[in-house]
N, C-alpha and C. Protein backbone atom coordinates (compact mmCIF):
# COMPACT_ATOMS: atom_id res chain seq x y z
N UNK A 1 100.83 36.73 73.27
CA UNK A 1 101.10 35.13 73.57
C UNK A 1 101.40 35.45 75.18
N UNK A 2 100.90 34.28 75.80
CA UNK A 2 100.99 34.45 77.17
C UNK A 2 102.47 33.85 77.57
N UNK A 3 103.12 34.53 78.26
CA UNK A 3 104.51 34.03 78.87
C UNK A 3 104.46 32.81 79.57
N UNK A 4 105.35 31.63 79.19
CA UNK A 4 105.27 30.55 79.67
C UNK A 4 105.33 30.48 81.37
N UNK A 5 104.79 29.87 82.25
CA UNK A 5 105.01 30.13 83.38
C UNK A 5 106.31 29.71 84.33
N UNK A 6 106.99 30.53 84.71
CA UNK A 6 108.10 30.26 85.62
C UNK A 6 108.02 29.09 86.55
N UNK A 7 108.91 27.83 86.32
CA UNK A 7 108.77 26.89 87.22
C UNK A 7 110.42 26.56 87.92
N UNK A 8 110.84 26.09 88.92
CA UNK A 8 111.71 25.52 89.40
C UNK A 8 112.43 24.56 88.09
N UNK A 9 111.69 23.62 87.50
CA UNK A 9 112.57 23.09 86.78
C UNK A 9 112.65 23.58 85.24
N UNK A 10 111.77 24.74 84.94
CA UNK A 10 111.97 25.17 83.82
C UNK A 10 113.09 26.05 84.04
N UNK A 11 113.45 26.46 85.36
CA UNK A 11 114.48 27.32 85.58
C UNK A 11 115.63 26.73 85.75
N UNK A 12 115.55 25.48 86.02
CA UNK A 12 117.25 24.46 85.77
C UNK A 12 117.41 23.79 84.69
N UNK A 13 116.51 23.81 83.68
CA UNK A 13 116.49 23.23 82.52
C UNK A 13 117.50 24.71 81.58
N UNK A 14 117.04 25.66 81.78
CA UNK A 14 117.74 26.88 81.32
C UNK A 14 119.01 26.91 81.72
N UNK A 15 119.28 27.02 83.09
CA UNK A 15 120.67 26.67 83.97
C UNK A 15 121.60 25.68 83.05
N UNK A 16 121.17 24.73 82.93
CA UNK A 16 121.94 23.26 82.26
C UNK A 16 122.13 23.63 80.97
N UNK A 17 121.18 24.09 80.14
CA UNK A 17 121.39 24.75 78.76
C UNK A 17 122.55 25.54 78.94
N UNK A 18 122.81 26.77 79.73
CA UNK A 18 123.73 27.86 80.00
C UNK A 18 125.21 26.93 79.98
N UNK A 19 125.31 26.42 80.99
CA UNK A 19 126.01 25.35 81.52
C UNK A 19 126.85 24.43 80.41
N UNK A 20 126.00 23.89 80.07
CA UNK A 20 126.33 23.28 78.71
C UNK A 20 127.06 24.03 77.76
N UNK A 21 126.74 24.76 77.76
CA UNK A 21 127.23 25.92 76.38
C UNK A 21 128.66 26.54 76.53
N UNK A 22 128.29 27.06 77.88
CA UNK A 22 129.45 28.25 78.01
C UNK A 22 130.34 27.62 79.58
N UNK A 23 129.79 26.63 80.08
CA UNK A 23 130.35 26.28 81.43
C UNK A 23 129.65 26.84 82.73
N UNK A 24 130.54 26.48 83.82
CA UNK A 24 129.25 26.88 84.81
C UNK A 24 129.79 28.44 85.56
N UNK A 25 131.02 29.18 85.03
CA UNK A 25 131.44 30.38 85.21
C UNK A 25 130.87 31.33 84.42
N UNK A 26 129.73 30.93 83.61
CA UNK A 26 128.92 31.89 82.84
C UNK A 26 127.67 31.77 83.64
N UNK A 27 127.40 31.29 84.40
CA UNK A 27 125.97 30.76 84.86
C UNK A 27 125.89 31.96 86.17
N UNK A 28 124.93 32.82 86.22
CA UNK A 28 124.70 33.68 87.24
C UNK A 28 123.02 34.18 87.01
N UNK A 29 122.48 34.59 87.86
CA UNK A 29 121.00 34.58 87.91
C UNK A 29 120.78 35.55 87.04
N UNK A 30 121.49 36.82 87.00
CA UNK A 30 121.47 37.84 85.66
C UNK A 30 121.32 37.07 84.41
N UNK A 31 122.59 36.34 84.34
CA UNK A 31 122.32 35.69 83.05
C UNK A 31 121.04 34.51 82.61
N UNK A 32 120.70 34.13 83.80
CA UNK A 32 119.86 33.20 83.84
C UNK A 32 118.23 33.94 83.41
N UNK A 33 118.14 34.75 84.22
CA UNK A 33 117.22 36.05 83.88
C UNK A 33 116.94 36.25 82.47
N UNK A 34 118.16 36.76 81.99
CA UNK A 34 118.25 36.95 80.33
C UNK A 34 117.88 35.95 79.46
N UNK A 35 118.23 34.59 79.91
CA UNK A 35 117.70 33.37 79.07
C UNK A 35 116.57 33.12 79.05
N UNK A 36 115.75 33.65 80.11
CA UNK A 36 114.15 33.21 80.43
C UNK A 36 113.27 34.74 79.95
N UNK A 37 114.40 35.80 79.97
CA UNK A 37 113.23 36.93 79.16
C UNK A 37 112.57 37.43 80.67
N UNK A 38 113.00 37.27 81.91
CA UNK A 38 112.70 37.81 82.97
C UNK A 38 113.72 38.67 83.59
N UNK A 39 113.12 39.35 84.82
CA UNK A 39 114.14 40.16 85.82
C UNK A 39 114.92 38.88 86.77
N UNK A 40 115.92 38.93 87.05
CA UNK A 40 116.79 37.95 87.70
C UNK A 40 116.04 38.21 89.18
N UNK A 41 115.41 38.89 89.78
CA UNK A 41 114.80 39.06 90.81
C UNK A 41 113.45 38.09 90.89
N UNK A 42 113.00 38.03 89.87
CA UNK A 42 112.00 37.14 89.97
C UNK A 42 112.24 35.63 90.16
N UNK A 43 113.67 35.03 89.93
CA UNK A 43 114.25 33.85 90.33
C UNK A 43 114.05 33.35 91.42
N UNK A 44 114.12 34.38 92.17
CA UNK A 44 114.81 34.13 93.89
C UNK A 44 113.86 33.41 94.61
N UNK A 45 112.28 33.56 93.98
CA UNK A 45 111.24 32.93 94.78
C UNK A 45 111.13 31.44 94.45
N UNK A 46 111.82 30.93 93.52
CA UNK A 46 112.19 29.62 93.14
C UNK A 46 113.48 29.10 93.52
N UNK A 47 114.57 29.86 93.46
CA UNK A 47 116.06 29.49 93.83
C UNK A 47 116.49 30.54 94.44
N UNK A 48 116.71 30.97 95.68
CA UNK A 48 116.99 32.05 96.48
C UNK A 48 118.41 32.11 96.45
N UNK A 49 118.92 32.47 95.24
CA UNK A 49 120.50 32.79 95.32
C UNK A 49 121.12 31.76 94.35
N UNK A 50 122.54 32.08 94.12
CA UNK A 50 123.77 31.26 93.49
C UNK A 50 123.79 29.99 93.97
N UNK A 51 124.05 30.02 95.17
CA UNK A 51 124.19 28.53 95.94
C UNK A 51 122.93 27.61 95.77
N UNK A 52 121.96 28.37 95.91
CA UNK A 52 120.71 27.56 95.69
C UNK A 52 120.41 27.04 94.13
N UNK A 53 120.74 27.74 93.40
CA UNK A 53 120.85 27.66 91.77
C UNK A 53 121.94 26.15 91.61
N UNK A 54 122.97 26.58 92.38
CA UNK A 54 123.81 25.44 92.11
C UNK A 54 123.70 23.83 92.50
N UNK A 55 123.14 24.07 93.96
CA UNK A 55 122.27 22.88 94.57
C UNK A 55 121.25 22.48 93.67
N UNK A 56 120.45 23.15 93.25
CA UNK A 56 119.45 22.68 92.25
C UNK A 56 119.54 21.86 90.88
N UNK A 57 121.20 22.64 90.51
CA UNK A 57 121.58 22.00 89.43
C UNK A 57 122.16 20.49 89.89
N UNK A 58 123.04 20.46 90.78
CA UNK A 58 123.31 19.40 91.31
C UNK A 58 122.31 18.12 91.49
N UNK A 59 120.97 18.39 91.99
CA UNK A 59 120.09 17.51 92.22
C UNK A 59 119.59 17.07 90.99
N UNK A 60 119.49 18.17 89.93
CA UNK A 60 118.90 17.80 88.67
C UNK A 60 119.83 17.02 87.93
N UNK A 61 121.03 16.99 88.39
CA UNK A 61 122.19 16.35 87.65
C UNK A 61 122.08 14.67 88.19
N UNK A 62 121.78 14.49 89.37
CA UNK A 62 121.76 13.37 90.03
C UNK A 62 120.57 12.48 89.29
N UNK A 63 119.45 13.54 89.21
CA UNK A 63 118.15 12.89 88.74
C UNK A 63 118.44 12.25 87.38
N UNK A 64 118.94 13.03 86.70
CA UNK A 64 119.21 12.38 85.04
C UNK A 64 120.13 11.28 85.43
N UNK A 65 120.73 11.16 86.36
CA UNK A 65 121.69 9.77 86.43
C UNK A 65 120.81 8.71 86.88
N UNK A 66 119.93 9.02 87.75
CA UNK A 66 118.65 8.13 88.00
C UNK A 66 117.93 7.39 86.80
N UNK A 67 117.74 8.29 86.33
CA UNK A 67 116.96 8.03 84.75
C UNK A 67 117.59 7.17 83.98
N UNK A 68 118.68 7.14 84.18
CA UNK A 68 119.53 6.18 83.10
C UNK A 68 119.60 5.06 83.32
N UNK A 69 118.68 4.46 84.77
CA UNK A 69 118.73 2.99 85.11
C UNK A 69 118.41 2.48 83.71
N UNK A 70 119.23 1.11 83.20
CA UNK A 70 118.50 0.40 82.19
C UNK A 70 118.40 -0.87 82.54
N UNK A 71 118.07 -1.43 83.64
CA UNK A 71 117.83 -2.75 83.98
C UNK A 71 119.09 -3.74 83.84
N UNK A 72 118.91 -4.84 83.53
CA UNK A 72 120.09 -5.47 83.15
C UNK A 72 119.87 -7.18 83.99
N UNK A 73 120.61 -8.19 84.13
CA UNK A 73 120.50 -9.32 84.61
C UNK A 73 121.91 -9.66 85.98
N UNK A 74 121.13 -9.12 86.93
CA UNK A 74 122.25 -10.06 87.96
C UNK A 74 122.66 -8.53 88.48
N UNK A 75 123.30 -8.48 89.86
CA UNK A 75 123.67 -6.99 90.07
C UNK A 75 124.94 -6.55 89.47
N UNK A 76 125.73 -7.30 89.17
CA UNK A 76 127.08 -6.74 88.27
C UNK A 76 126.73 -6.25 86.98
N UNK A 77 125.98 -6.95 86.26
CA UNK A 77 125.41 -6.25 85.03
C UNK A 77 124.35 -4.98 85.24
N UNK A 78 123.22 -5.00 86.17
CA UNK A 78 122.92 -3.98 86.29
C UNK A 78 123.65 -2.69 86.76
N UNK A 79 124.58 -2.96 87.71
CA UNK A 79 125.43 -1.68 88.08
C UNK A 79 126.54 -1.17 87.16
N UNK A 80 126.68 -2.24 86.22
CA UNK A 80 127.76 -1.52 84.85
C UNK A 80 126.81 -0.47 83.99
N UNK A 81 125.48 -1.45 83.78
CA UNK A 81 124.49 -0.52 83.23
C UNK A 81 124.51 0.83 83.59
N UNK A 82 124.21 0.68 85.02
CA UNK A 82 123.54 2.06 85.72
C UNK A 82 124.60 2.75 85.41
N UNK A 83 126.35 2.67 85.78
CA UNK A 83 127.40 3.25 86.02
C UNK A 83 127.85 4.03 84.32
N UNK A 84 127.66 3.33 83.30
CA UNK A 84 127.94 3.59 81.89
C UNK A 84 126.92 4.74 81.44
N UNK A 85 125.52 4.42 82.17
CA UNK A 85 124.56 5.46 81.83
C UNK A 85 124.97 6.68 82.75
N UNK A 86 125.55 6.83 83.69
CA UNK A 86 125.47 7.84 84.58
C UNK A 86 126.92 8.70 83.92
N UNK A 87 127.79 7.79 83.08
CA UNK A 87 128.94 8.26 82.34
C UNK A 87 128.38 8.92 81.23
N UNK A 88 127.35 8.31 80.56
CA UNK A 88 126.60 9.37 79.31
C UNK A 88 126.35 10.70 79.78
N UNK A 89 125.76 10.89 81.07
CA UNK A 89 125.39 12.30 81.62
C UNK A 89 126.45 13.15 81.60
N UNK A 90 127.58 12.50 82.51
CA UNK A 90 128.53 13.47 82.63
C UNK A 90 129.50 13.91 81.33
N UNK A 91 129.40 13.32 80.42
CA UNK A 91 129.93 13.46 79.16
C UNK A 91 129.11 14.62 78.50
N UNK A 92 127.51 14.59 78.71
CA UNK A 92 126.79 15.49 78.00
C UNK A 92 126.79 16.71 78.92
N UNK A 93 127.06 16.73 79.99
CA UNK A 93 127.37 17.67 80.95
C UNK A 93 128.90 17.71 81.90
N UNK A 94 129.72 17.81 81.01
CA UNK A 94 131.13 18.02 81.48
C UNK A 94 131.59 18.95 82.72
N UNK A 95 130.75 19.78 83.14
CA UNK A 95 130.82 20.63 84.18
C UNK A 95 130.44 19.78 85.30
N UNK A 96 129.72 18.74 85.16
CA UNK A 96 129.13 17.74 86.27
C UNK A 96 130.04 17.46 87.33
N UNK A 97 131.40 16.82 87.22
CA UNK A 97 132.23 16.43 88.35
C UNK A 97 132.82 17.71 89.33
N UNK A 98 132.82 18.72 88.51
CA UNK A 98 133.38 19.73 89.21
C UNK A 98 132.33 20.43 89.99
N UNK A 99 130.97 20.51 89.42
CA UNK A 99 129.68 20.81 90.27
C UNK A 99 129.73 20.29 91.76
N UNK A 100 129.66 18.74 91.39
CA UNK A 100 129.52 17.60 92.58
C UNK A 100 130.55 17.72 93.65
N UNK A 101 131.72 18.04 92.89
CA UNK A 101 132.88 18.21 93.98
C UNK A 101 133.07 19.28 94.76
N UNK A 102 132.50 20.61 94.33
CA UNK A 102 132.32 21.47 95.18
C UNK A 102 131.05 22.04 95.90
N UNK A 103 130.37 21.22 95.76
CA UNK A 103 129.09 21.36 97.05
C UNK A 103 129.51 21.28 98.27
N UNK A 104 128.88 22.12 99.17
CA UNK A 104 129.26 22.21 100.40
C UNK A 104 128.32 21.02 101.58
N UNK A 105 127.31 20.60 101.08
CA UNK A 105 126.74 19.39 101.37
C UNK A 105 126.14 18.41 100.48
N UNK A 106 126.29 16.98 100.92
CA UNK A 106 125.77 16.21 100.05
C UNK A 106 124.28 16.47 99.66
N UNK A 107 124.12 16.55 98.44
CA UNK A 107 122.91 16.48 97.79
C UNK A 107 122.08 15.30 98.37
N UNK A 108 120.65 15.75 99.06
CA UNK A 108 119.82 14.53 99.41
C UNK A 108 119.68 13.53 98.54
N UNK A 109 119.16 13.94 96.94
CA UNK A 109 119.08 12.68 96.09
C UNK A 109 120.20 11.54 95.85
N UNK A 110 121.42 12.12 96.44
CA UNK A 110 122.77 11.43 96.25
C UNK A 110 122.16 9.95 97.39
N UNK A 111 122.05 10.58 98.34
CA UNK A 111 121.88 9.46 99.53
C UNK A 111 120.90 8.21 98.81
N UNK A 112 119.73 8.81 98.14
CA UNK A 112 118.70 7.83 97.40
C UNK A 112 119.35 7.07 96.67
N UNK A 113 120.45 7.73 95.55
CA UNK A 113 120.99 6.96 94.48
C UNK A 113 121.78 5.99 94.78
N UNK A 114 122.97 6.35 95.94
CA UNK A 114 123.63 5.24 96.54
C UNK A 114 122.64 4.13 97.21
N UNK A 115 121.68 4.45 97.99
CA UNK A 115 120.70 3.80 98.45
C UNK A 115 120.45 2.55 97.42
N UNK A 116 120.12 2.96 96.61
CA UNK A 116 119.11 1.95 94.95
C UNK A 116 120.64 1.09 94.77
N UNK A 117 121.79 1.67 94.93
CA UNK A 117 123.14 1.13 94.48
C UNK A 117 123.04 -0.36 95.23
N UNK A 118 122.99 0.04 96.82
CA UNK A 118 123.35 -0.51 97.51
C UNK A 118 122.19 -1.80 97.51
N UNK A 119 121.00 -1.48 97.23
CA UNK A 119 119.96 -2.63 97.27
C UNK A 119 120.07 -3.23 96.07
N UNK A 120 120.74 -2.72 94.86
CA UNK A 120 120.75 -3.79 94.13
C UNK A 120 121.89 -4.91 94.16
N UNK A 121 123.04 -4.57 95.07
CA UNK A 121 124.00 -5.56 95.28
C UNK A 121 123.45 -6.61 96.33
N UNK A 122 122.84 -5.89 97.47
CA UNK A 122 121.93 -6.96 98.55
C UNK A 122 120.66 -7.44 98.22
N UNK A 123 120.12 -7.24 97.10
CA UNK A 123 119.10 -7.62 96.96
C UNK A 123 119.38 -9.00 95.74
N UNK A 124 120.60 -9.11 95.62
CA UNK A 124 121.04 -10.18 94.78
C UNK A 124 121.89 -11.15 95.24
N UNK A 125 122.00 -10.67 96.75
CA UNK A 125 123.01 -11.96 97.56
C UNK A 125 124.27 -11.44 98.19
N UNK A 126 124.56 -10.11 97.76
CA UNK A 126 125.81 -9.52 98.11
C UNK A 126 125.68 -9.07 99.74
N UNK A 127 126.43 -9.13 100.64
CA UNK A 127 126.46 -8.82 101.80
C UNK A 127 126.74 -7.27 101.92
N UNK A 128 126.04 -6.64 103.32
CA UNK A 128 126.31 -5.61 103.45
C UNK A 128 127.80 -5.18 103.89
N UNK A 129 128.55 -6.07 104.20
CA UNK A 129 129.86 -5.61 104.45
C UNK A 129 130.46 -5.32 103.12
N UNK A 130 130.32 -6.58 102.40
CA UNK A 130 130.62 -6.44 101.03
C UNK A 130 130.27 -5.07 100.17
N UNK A 131 129.08 -4.72 100.17
CA UNK A 131 128.38 -3.59 99.75
C UNK A 131 129.11 -2.38 100.03
N UNK A 132 129.01 -2.18 101.51
CA UNK A 132 130.42 -1.24 101.91
C UNK A 132 131.63 -0.83 101.44
N UNK A 133 132.45 -1.89 101.25
CA UNK A 133 133.74 -2.15 100.44
C UNK A 133 133.49 -1.89 99.15
N UNK A 134 132.45 -2.32 98.59
CA UNK A 134 132.29 -1.78 97.13
C UNK A 134 132.05 -0.44 96.80
N UNK A 135 131.15 0.10 97.54
CA UNK A 135 131.12 1.77 97.51
C UNK A 135 132.38 2.64 97.42
N UNK A 136 133.08 1.98 98.59
CA UNK A 136 134.47 2.72 98.67
C UNK A 136 135.46 2.29 97.30
N UNK A 137 135.40 1.39 96.75
CA UNK A 137 136.05 0.82 95.70
C UNK A 137 135.34 1.66 94.23
N UNK A 138 134.07 1.69 94.33
CA UNK A 138 133.56 2.33 93.03
C UNK A 138 134.00 3.96 93.18
N UNK A 139 134.09 4.73 94.39
CA UNK A 139 134.32 6.12 94.23
C UNK A 139 133.43 7.03 93.43
N UNK A 140 133.69 7.54 92.82
CA UNK A 140 133.04 8.77 91.99
C UNK A 140 132.66 8.05 90.62
N UNK A 141 132.82 6.64 90.34
CA UNK A 141 132.76 6.00 89.13
C UNK A 141 130.98 5.88 89.10
N UNK A 142 130.50 5.42 90.14
CA UNK A 142 129.16 5.38 90.44
C UNK A 142 128.39 6.34 89.70
N UNK A 143 128.97 7.67 89.81
CA UNK A 143 128.58 9.02 89.49
C UNK A 143 129.09 9.38 87.71
N UNK A 144 129.70 8.51 87.30
CA UNK A 144 130.05 8.32 85.83
C UNK A 144 131.37 9.07 85.58
N UNK A 145 132.32 9.46 86.48
CA UNK A 145 133.51 9.82 86.21
C UNK A 145 134.62 9.38 87.08
N UNK A 146 135.80 9.50 86.79
CA UNK A 146 136.91 9.08 87.85
C UNK A 146 137.68 10.21 88.54
N UNK A 147 138.29 10.56 89.42
CA UNK A 147 138.83 11.42 90.08
C UNK A 147 140.40 11.61 89.66
N UNK A 148 140.76 12.24 89.20
CA UNK A 148 142.37 12.43 88.81
C UNK A 148 143.51 12.87 89.46
N UNK A 149 144.64 12.23 89.42
CA UNK A 149 145.61 12.50 89.97
C UNK A 149 146.24 13.98 90.11
N UNK A 150 146.38 14.07 88.61
CA UNK A 150 146.56 15.56 88.51
C UNK A 150 146.06 15.46 86.88
N UNK A 151 146.44 16.82 86.66
CA UNK A 151 145.79 17.15 85.54
C UNK A 151 146.62 18.10 84.51
N UNK A 152 147.85 17.44 83.78
CA UNK A 152 148.44 18.17 82.76
C UNK A 152 147.59 18.69 81.60
N UNK A 153 147.49 19.89 81.51
CA UNK A 153 147.02 20.87 80.20
C UNK A 153 147.58 20.59 79.15
N UNK A 154 147.19 19.91 77.98
CA UNK A 154 147.12 19.58 76.81
C UNK A 154 147.01 20.56 75.74
N UNK A 155 148.42 20.87 75.36
CA UNK A 155 148.43 22.38 74.46
C UNK A 155 149.16 23.44 74.97
N UNK A 156 149.06 22.94 76.29
CA UNK A 156 149.68 24.41 76.86
C UNK A 156 150.98 24.35 77.18
N UNK A 157 151.52 23.66 77.47
CA UNK A 157 152.85 23.31 77.60
C UNK A 157 153.92 23.55 76.27
N UNK A 158 154.79 24.15 76.34
CA UNK A 158 156.02 24.41 75.22
C UNK A 158 156.95 23.17 74.90
N UNK A 159 157.50 23.31 73.82
CA UNK A 159 158.31 21.98 73.55
C UNK A 159 159.30 22.13 74.55
N UNK A 160 160.02 23.34 75.07
CA UNK A 160 161.03 23.38 75.98
C UNK A 160 160.49 22.99 77.40
N UNK A 161 159.07 23.25 77.97
CA UNK A 161 158.60 22.55 79.20
C UNK A 161 158.58 20.94 79.41
N UNK A 162 158.26 20.76 77.82
CA UNK A 162 158.07 19.34 77.98
C UNK A 162 159.36 18.35 78.05
N UNK A 163 160.58 19.02 77.37
CA UNK A 163 161.46 18.53 77.63
C UNK A 163 162.06 18.75 78.99
N UNK A 164 161.95 19.64 79.82
CA UNK A 164 162.38 19.83 81.13
C UNK A 164 161.32 18.87 81.92
N UNK A 165 160.40 18.66 81.52
CA UNK A 165 159.42 17.88 82.53
C UNK A 165 159.98 16.32 82.48
N UNK A 166 160.26 15.87 81.16
CA UNK A 166 160.99 14.47 80.93
C UNK A 166 162.00 14.16 81.82
N UNK A 167 162.78 15.29 81.71
CA UNK A 167 164.22 15.01 82.81
C UNK A 167 163.81 14.99 83.93
N UNK A 168 163.09 15.12 84.64
CA UNK A 168 162.99 15.28 86.19
C UNK A 168 161.67 14.17 86.31
N UNK A 169 160.62 13.88 85.26
CA UNK A 169 159.49 12.76 85.38
C UNK A 169 159.83 11.94 84.24
N UNK A 170 160.69 11.45 83.99
CA UNK A 170 160.46 10.40 82.47
C UNK A 170 159.43 9.60 82.79
N UNK A 171 159.24 8.82 83.38
CA UNK A 171 158.08 7.91 83.15
C UNK A 171 156.56 8.54 83.38
N UNK A 172 156.15 9.32 84.30
CA UNK A 172 155.47 9.96 84.05
C UNK A 172 155.07 10.95 82.71
N UNK A 173 156.29 11.45 82.34
CA UNK A 173 155.99 12.19 80.57
C UNK A 173 155.67 11.12 79.95
N UNK A 174 156.29 10.17 79.69
CA UNK A 174 156.45 9.14 78.70
C UNK A 174 154.95 8.52 78.76
N UNK A 175 154.26 8.45 80.25
CA UNK A 175 153.15 7.84 80.03
C UNK A 175 151.83 8.59 79.57
N UNK A 176 152.11 9.99 79.85
CA UNK A 176 150.86 11.11 79.73
C UNK A 176 151.18 11.17 77.82
N UNK A 177 152.62 10.80 77.06
CA UNK A 177 152.70 10.91 75.89
C UNK A 177 151.74 10.18 75.22
N UNK A 178 152.16 8.79 75.78
CA UNK A 178 151.62 7.61 75.23
C UNK A 178 149.88 7.33 75.45
N UNK A 179 149.53 8.26 76.58
CA UNK A 179 148.11 7.92 76.76
C UNK A 179 146.99 9.09 76.54
N UNK A 180 147.74 10.04 75.71
CA UNK A 180 146.71 11.39 74.94
C UNK A 180 145.69 10.67 74.42
N UNK A 181 144.57 10.85 74.51
CA UNK A 181 143.27 10.40 73.64
C UNK A 181 142.96 10.80 72.43
N UNK A 182 142.36 9.84 71.73
CA UNK A 182 141.85 10.31 70.58
C UNK A 182 140.90 10.97 70.49
N UNK A 183 140.47 12.02 69.41
CA UNK A 183 139.69 13.18 69.63
C UNK A 183 138.28 12.49 69.80
N UNK A 184 138.33 11.05 69.26
CA UNK A 184 136.81 10.44 69.08
C UNK A 184 136.28 9.80 70.37
N UNK A 185 137.59 9.98 71.21
CA UNK A 185 137.12 9.40 72.60
C UNK A 185 136.32 10.28 73.65
N UNK A 186 135.53 9.86 74.00
CA UNK A 186 134.54 11.22 74.95
C UNK A 186 135.65 11.05 76.59
N UNK A 187 136.16 12.05 76.83
CA UNK A 187 136.84 12.14 78.01
C UNK A 187 136.44 13.53 79.06
N UNK A 188 136.46 13.39 80.10
CA UNK A 188 136.10 14.29 81.30
C UNK A 188 137.23 14.93 81.74
N UNK A 189 138.82 14.43 81.00
CA UNK A 189 140.00 14.70 82.03
C UNK A 189 140.91 14.07 81.05
N UNK A 190 141.97 14.49 81.25
CA UNK A 190 143.10 14.10 80.31
C UNK A 190 143.38 12.62 80.39
N UNK A 191 142.91 11.99 81.49
CA UNK A 191 143.03 10.09 81.48
C UNK A 191 141.64 9.82 81.57
N UNK A 192 140.63 10.44 81.97
CA UNK A 192 139.22 9.84 82.04
C UNK A 192 138.85 9.75 80.93
N UNK A 193 139.02 8.83 79.99
CA UNK A 193 138.38 8.45 78.79
C UNK A 193 137.63 7.14 78.98
N UNK A 194 136.70 7.06 77.82
CA UNK A 194 135.72 5.81 78.04
C UNK A 194 136.23 4.45 78.25
N UNK A 195 137.55 4.44 77.53
CA UNK A 195 138.32 2.93 77.72
C UNK A 195 138.97 2.83 79.02
N UNK A 196 139.57 3.86 79.69
CA UNK A 196 139.94 3.81 80.86
C UNK A 196 138.67 3.46 82.06
N UNK A 197 137.51 4.21 81.78
CA UNK A 197 136.70 4.00 82.34
C UNK A 197 136.06 2.74 82.70
N UNK A 198 135.54 2.34 81.32
CA UNK A 198 135.27 0.96 81.36
C UNK A 198 136.08 -0.24 81.77
N UNK A 199 137.37 -0.31 81.65
CA UNK A 199 138.31 -0.90 81.94
C UNK A 199 138.16 -0.98 83.73
N UNK A 200 138.74 0.00 84.40
CA UNK A 200 138.54 0.10 85.33
C UNK A 200 137.26 -0.37 86.31
N UNK A 201 136.17 0.25 85.70
CA UNK A 201 134.58 -0.52 86.23
C UNK A 201 134.54 -1.75 86.44
N UNK A 202 135.25 -2.69 84.88
CA UNK A 202 134.92 -4.10 84.85
C UNK A 202 136.17 -4.72 85.94
N UNK A 203 137.27 -4.05 86.11
CA UNK A 203 138.23 -4.73 87.16
C UNK A 203 137.76 -4.80 88.49
N UNK A 204 137.27 -3.89 88.67
CA UNK A 204 136.45 -3.52 90.14
C UNK A 204 135.22 -4.54 90.48
N UNK A 205 134.43 -4.42 89.29
CA UNK A 205 132.94 -5.66 89.36
C UNK A 205 133.64 -7.08 89.25
N UNK A 206 134.46 -7.32 88.49
CA UNK A 206 134.90 -8.84 88.63
C UNK A 206 135.20 -9.23 89.91
N UNK A 207 136.28 -8.08 90.48
CA UNK A 207 137.10 -8.34 91.50
C UNK A 207 135.96 -8.50 92.37
N UNK A 208 135.02 -7.97 92.82
CA UNK A 208 133.83 -7.90 93.65
C UNK A 208 133.18 -9.50 93.50
N UNK A 209 132.82 -9.93 92.34
CA UNK A 209 132.31 -11.15 92.03
C UNK A 209 133.07 -11.99 92.42
N UNK A 210 134.50 -12.28 92.31
CA UNK A 210 135.05 -12.88 92.85
C UNK A 210 135.26 -13.29 94.28
N UNK A 211 135.39 -12.56 94.81
CA UNK A 211 135.21 -12.42 96.31
C UNK A 211 134.00 -12.88 97.02
N UNK A 212 132.81 -12.63 96.51
CA UNK A 212 131.74 -13.08 96.90
C UNK A 212 131.11 -14.61 96.63
N UNK A 213 132.05 -14.83 95.48
CA UNK A 213 131.53 -16.26 95.13
C UNK A 213 132.46 -17.34 96.16
N UNK A 214 131.86 -18.22 96.53
CA UNK A 214 132.26 -19.08 97.44
C UNK A 214 133.27 -20.11 96.82
């Protein structure tokens, strides 16, 4: 049987599968070659090195987010659907936020994605000034996740550690204890759950709608 032709898209699909199963740390050119049944050197024609691989993976991730566009009525509904679709992508690929945050340059496709977002707003009567402020308000939510202020590691701290933390940070400790997610709630961090994401998104969209309404 003839071996399937090696293409950039095929490499990135295999890289995505490795990252989904084992995380980004497991993703190397050697590992990717083994997954595809080829020598690692044969990959360099399509992706010349680990950084090029990660850049390609970031591009593929954003393309998948773009493909989630689900229509809607009015700029607010369309953006809500788009951002929730982006979140579904990030939940499928929980390594996505770390990957995008670590790139040394902005993936070109990301500019196109945000241009589409601005076009959605201005095409429905939102001014460019408000659209600019909206992008600042959305932050990484446009990509389906929120940036956390800190990351308490559930299950790592001992009872003694928690008691000591409560003595120094009583309110933060109580908040963390009260807000730990149910295992059925998709999370991308200790406080980036679906409920919080939708609450924050709706708060921003409702606020923008009020500002633009005469």
